[in-house]
Amino acid sequence: MNPFSPVTDAELTRARSDPAFRQRMLEQSLETLLEGIKKLRRTAPTSTADVKQLREGVELAVRLAEILQNADRRTRTF
């Protein structure tokens, strides 16, 4: 997997008008986040900062998954 690269203004503009592109961006972000979580878990978090980062990553992954599910439901309805 490629290292994380920040989203550009052009990508954000396109995501606002192209639901399929937005869906792919969200999916890629979730995959990248899950890989990072796996990597952090394998190293056995030792500090409270590591544990906090792991917890925040999991919370963000859940939010991204919810966004993806809601977007999928909306596209099926139309």
N, C-alpha and C. Protein backbone atom coordinates (compact mmCIF):
# COMPACT_ATOMS: atom_id res chain seq x y z
N MET A 1 0.84 -1.18 0.00
CA MET A 1 0.00 0.00 0.00
C MET A 1 0.88 1.24 0.00
N ASN A 2 0.47 2.24 -0.73
CA ASN A 2 1.23 3.49 -0.79
C ASN A 2 1.10 4.25 0.51
N PRO A 3 2.14 5.02 0.84
CA PRO A 3 2.02 5.87 2.03
C PRO A 3 0.91 6.89 1.82
N PHE A 4 0.38 7.36 2.93
CA PHE A 4 -0.72 8.32 2.87
C PHE A 4 -0.27 9.60 2.20
N SER A 5 -1.08 10.09 1.29
CA SER A 5 -0.81 11.40 0.69
C SER A 5 -2.04 12.28 0.93
N PRO A 6 -1.81 13.51 1.31
CA PRO A 6 -2.94 14.41 1.59
C PRO A 6 -3.83 14.60 0.36
N VAL A 7 -5.09 14.83 0.62
CA VAL A 7 -6.06 15.09 -0.45
C VAL A 7 -5.83 16.50 -0.98
N THR A 8 -5.84 16.63 -2.29
CA THR A 8 -5.62 17.94 -2.90
C THR A 8 -6.94 18.70 -3.03
N ASP A 9 -6.83 19.99 -3.27
CA ASP A 9 -8.03 20.81 -3.48
C ASP A 9 -8.79 20.34 -4.72
N ALA A 10 -8.06 19.93 -5.74
CA ALA A 10 -8.71 19.45 -6.97
C ALA A 10 -9.50 18.17 -6.69
N GLU A 11 -8.96 17.29 -5.87
CA GLU A 11 -9.66 16.06 -5.54
C GLU A 11 -10.91 16.35 -4.72
N LEU A 12 -10.81 17.29 -3.78
CA LEU A 12 -11.98 17.67 -3.00
C LEU A 12 -13.08 18.27 -3.87
N THR A 13 -12.68 19.10 -4.81
CA THR A 13 -13.65 19.70 -5.73
C THR A 13 -14.34 18.62 -6.55
N ARG A 14 -13.56 17.69 -7.06
CA ARG A 14 -14.13 16.60 -7.86
C ARG A 14 -15.03 15.71 -7.00
N ALA A 15 -14.62 15.45 -5.76
CA ALA A 15 -15.42 14.59 -4.88
C ALA A 15 -16.78 15.19 -4.58
N ARG A 16 -16.85 16.51 -4.56
CA ARG A 16 -18.13 17.18 -4.29
C ARG A 16 -19.13 16.98 -5.43
N SER A 17 -18.63 16.81 -6.63
CA SER A 17 -19.53 16.70 -7.78
C SER A 17 -19.60 15.30 -8.38
N ASP A 18 -18.73 14.38 -7.94
CA ASP A 18 -18.68 13.04 -8.52
C ASP A 18 -18.81 12.00 -7.40
N PRO A 19 -20.02 11.48 -7.19
CA PRO A 19 -20.24 10.54 -6.09
C PRO A 19 -19.38 9.28 -6.19
N ALA A 20 -19.14 8.77 -7.37
CA ALA A 20 -18.32 7.56 -7.52
C ALA A 20 -16.87 7.84 -7.10
N PHE A 21 -16.37 9.00 -7.48
CA PHE A 21 -15.01 9.38 -7.10
C PHE A 21 -14.92 9.56 -5.58
N ARG A 22 -15.93 10.19 -5.00
CA ARG A 22 -15.97 10.39 -3.55
C ARG A 22 -15.98 9.04 -2.83
N GLN A 23 -16.76 8.11 -3.35
CA GLN A 23 -16.84 6.76 -2.76
C GLN A 23 -15.46 6.09 -2.79
N ARG A 24 -14.77 6.17 -3.92
CA ARG A 24 -13.43 5.57 -4.03
C ARG A 24 -12.46 6.23 -3.06
N MET A 25 -12.53 7.55 -2.93
CA MET A 25 -11.65 8.26 -1.99
C MET A 25 -11.88 7.78 -0.56
N LEU A 26 -13.14 7.65 -0.19
CA LEU A 26 -13.46 7.19 1.16
C LEU A 26 -12.99 5.76 1.38
N GLU A 27 -13.19 4.90 0.39
CA GLU A 27 -12.76 3.51 0.50
C GLU A 27 -11.24 3.42 0.65
N GLN A 28 -10.53 4.19 -0.16
CA GLN A 28 -9.06 4.18 -0.08
C GLN A 28 -8.59 4.72 1.27
N SER A 29 -9.25 5.75 1.77
CA SER A 29 -8.89 6.30 3.07
C SER A 29 -9.11 5.28 4.17
N LEU A 30 -10.23 4.57 4.10
CA LEU A 30 -10.52 3.55 5.10
C LEU A 30 -9.50 2.42 5.04
N GLU A 31 -9.15 1.97 3.85
CA GLU A 31 -8.15 0.91 3.71
C GLU A 31 -6.80 1.35 4.29
N THR A 32 -6.39 2.57 3.98
CA THR A 32 -5.13 3.09 4.50
C THR A 32 -5.16 3.17 6.02
N LEU A 33 -6.26 3.65 6.56
CA LEU A 33 -6.41 3.75 8.00
C LEU A 33 -6.36 2.38 8.67
N LEU A 34 -7.07 1.40 8.10
CA LEU A 34 -7.07 0.06 8.67
C LEU A 34 -5.68 -0.57 8.63
N GLU A 35 -4.92 -0.33 7.57
CA GLU A 35 -3.55 -0.83 7.50
C GLU A 35 -2.69 -0.21 8.60
N GLY A 36 -2.87 1.08 8.83
CA GLY A 36 -2.13 1.76 9.89
C GLY A 36 -2.48 1.21 11.27
N ILE A 37 -3.77 0.92 11.48
CA ILE A 37 -4.21 0.35 12.74
C ILE A 37 -3.58 -1.03 12.94
N LYS A 38 -3.59 -1.84 11.89
CA LYS A 38 -2.98 -3.18 11.98
C LYS A 38 -1.51 -3.08 12.33
N LYS A 39 -0.83 -2.17 11.68
CA LYS A 39 0.61 -1.99 11.93
C LYS A 39 0.85 -1.58 13.38
N LEU A 40 0.05 -0.66 13.88
CA LEU A 40 0.21 -0.21 15.26
C LEU A 40 -0.09 -1.34 16.25
N ARG A 41 -1.08 -2.15 15.95
CA ARG A 41 -1.42 -3.27 16.84
C ARG A 41 -0.29 -4.30 16.87
N ARG A 42 0.35 -4.54 15.72
CA ARG A 42 1.44 -5.53 15.66
C ARG A 42 2.63 -5.10 16.52
N THR A 43 2.82 -3.80 16.67
CA THR A 43 3.96 -3.32 17.45
C THR A 43 3.66 -3.27 18.94
N ALA A 44 2.49 -3.74 19.33
CA ALA A 44 2.07 -3.76 20.73
C ALA A 44 2.25 -2.39 21.36
N PRO A 45 1.24 -1.55 21.25
CA PRO A 45 1.33 -0.19 21.81
C PRO A 45 1.84 -0.21 23.24
N THR A 46 2.85 0.62 23.50
CA THR A 46 3.49 0.61 24.81
C THR A 46 3.18 1.85 25.64
N SER A 47 2.89 2.94 24.99
CA SER A 47 2.64 4.17 25.74
C SER A 47 1.16 4.54 25.68
N THR A 48 0.78 5.43 26.55
CA THR A 48 -0.61 5.89 26.53
C THR A 48 -0.89 6.66 25.23
N ALA A 49 0.13 7.29 24.66
CA ALA A 49 -0.05 8.00 23.39
C ALA A 49 -0.35 7.00 22.28
N ASP A 50 0.33 5.84 22.30
CA ASP A 50 0.05 4.81 21.29
C ASP A 50 -1.37 4.28 21.42
N VAL A 51 -1.78 4.05 22.66
CA VAL A 51 -3.14 3.54 22.90
C VAL A 51 -4.17 4.57 22.46
N LYS A 52 -3.92 5.83 22.77
CA LYS A 52 -4.84 6.90 22.37
C LYS A 52 -4.92 6.99 20.85
N GLN A 53 -3.77 6.88 20.17
CA GLN A 53 -3.75 6.94 18.72
C GLN A 53 -4.51 5.76 18.12
N LEU A 54 -4.34 4.59 18.69
CA LEU A 54 -5.06 3.41 18.22
C LEU A 54 -6.57 3.60 18.39
N ARG A 55 -6.99 4.09 19.55
CA ARG A 55 -8.41 4.32 19.81
C ARG A 55 -8.99 5.34 18.82
N GLU A 56 -8.26 6.43 18.59
CA GLU A 56 -8.73 7.45 17.65
C GLU A 56 -8.83 6.89 16.24
N GLY A 57 -7.88 6.05 15.87
CA GLY A 57 -7.92 5.43 14.55
C GLY A 57 -9.13 4.53 14.37
N VAL A 58 -9.44 3.77 15.41
CA VAL A 58 -10.61 2.89 15.35
C VAL A 58 -11.90 3.71 15.27
N GLU A 59 -11.98 4.78 16.06
CA GLU A 59 -13.17 5.63 16.01
C GLU A 59 -13.33 6.26 14.62
N LEU A 60 -12.25 6.70 14.03
CA LEU A 60 -12.31 7.28 12.69
C LEU A 60 -12.70 6.22 11.66
N ALA A 61 -12.18 5.02 11.81
CA ALA A 61 -12.53 3.93 10.88
C ALA A 61 -14.02 3.63 10.94
N VAL A 62 -14.58 3.64 12.14
CA VAL A 62 -16.02 3.40 12.29
C VAL A 62 -16.81 4.52 11.61
N ARG A 63 -16.38 5.76 11.82
CA ARG A 63 -17.08 6.89 11.17
C ARG A 63 -17.02 6.79 9.65
N LEU A 64 -15.84 6.45 9.12
CA LEU A 64 -15.70 6.31 7.67
C LEU A 64 -16.59 5.18 7.15
N ALA A 65 -16.64 4.07 7.87
CA ALA A 65 -17.48 2.94 7.46
C ALA A 65 -18.96 3.36 7.45
N GLU A 66 -19.38 4.12 8.45
CA GLU A 66 -20.76 4.60 8.49
C GLU A 66 -21.06 5.51 7.31
N ILE A 67 -20.13 6.40 6.99
CA ILE A 67 -20.32 7.30 5.85
C ILE A 67 -20.45 6.50 4.56
N LEU A 68 -19.60 5.50 4.40
CA LEU A 68 -19.66 4.65 3.21
C LEU A 68 -20.99 3.89 3.13
N GLN A 69 -21.45 3.36 4.24
CA GLN A 69 -22.72 2.63 4.25
C GLN A 69 -23.88 3.55 3.92
N ASN A 70 -23.89 4.74 4.49
CA ASN A 70 -24.97 5.69 4.22
C ASN A 70 -24.95 6.13 2.77
N ALA A 71 -23.79 6.35 2.21
CA ALA A 71 -23.69 6.74 0.80
C ALA A 71 -24.18 5.62 -0.09
N ASP A 72 -23.86 4.38 0.27
CA ASP A 72 -24.29 3.23 -0.52
C ASP A 72 -25.81 3.09 -0.48
N ARG A 73 -26.40 3.32 0.68
CA ARG A 73 -27.87 3.24 0.79
C ARG A 73 -28.55 4.31 -0.05
N ARG A 74 -27.97 5.52 -0.06
CA ARG A 74 -28.57 6.61 -0.85
C ARG A 74 -28.51 6.30 -2.34
N THR A 75 -27.43 5.72 -2.81
CA THR A 75 -27.33 5.45 -4.25
C THR A 75 -28.25 4.32 -4.66
N ARG A 76 -28.54 3.39 -3.76
CA ARG A 76 -29.47 2.30 -4.09
C ARG A 76 -30.92 2.78 -4.12
N THR A 77 -31.22 3.83 -3.36
CA THR A 77 -32.58 4.33 -3.27
C THR A 77 -33.00 5.04 -4.56
N PHE A 78 -32.05 5.68 -5.21
CA PHE A 78 -32.39 6.45 -6.42
C PHE A 78 -32.50 5.60 -7.63
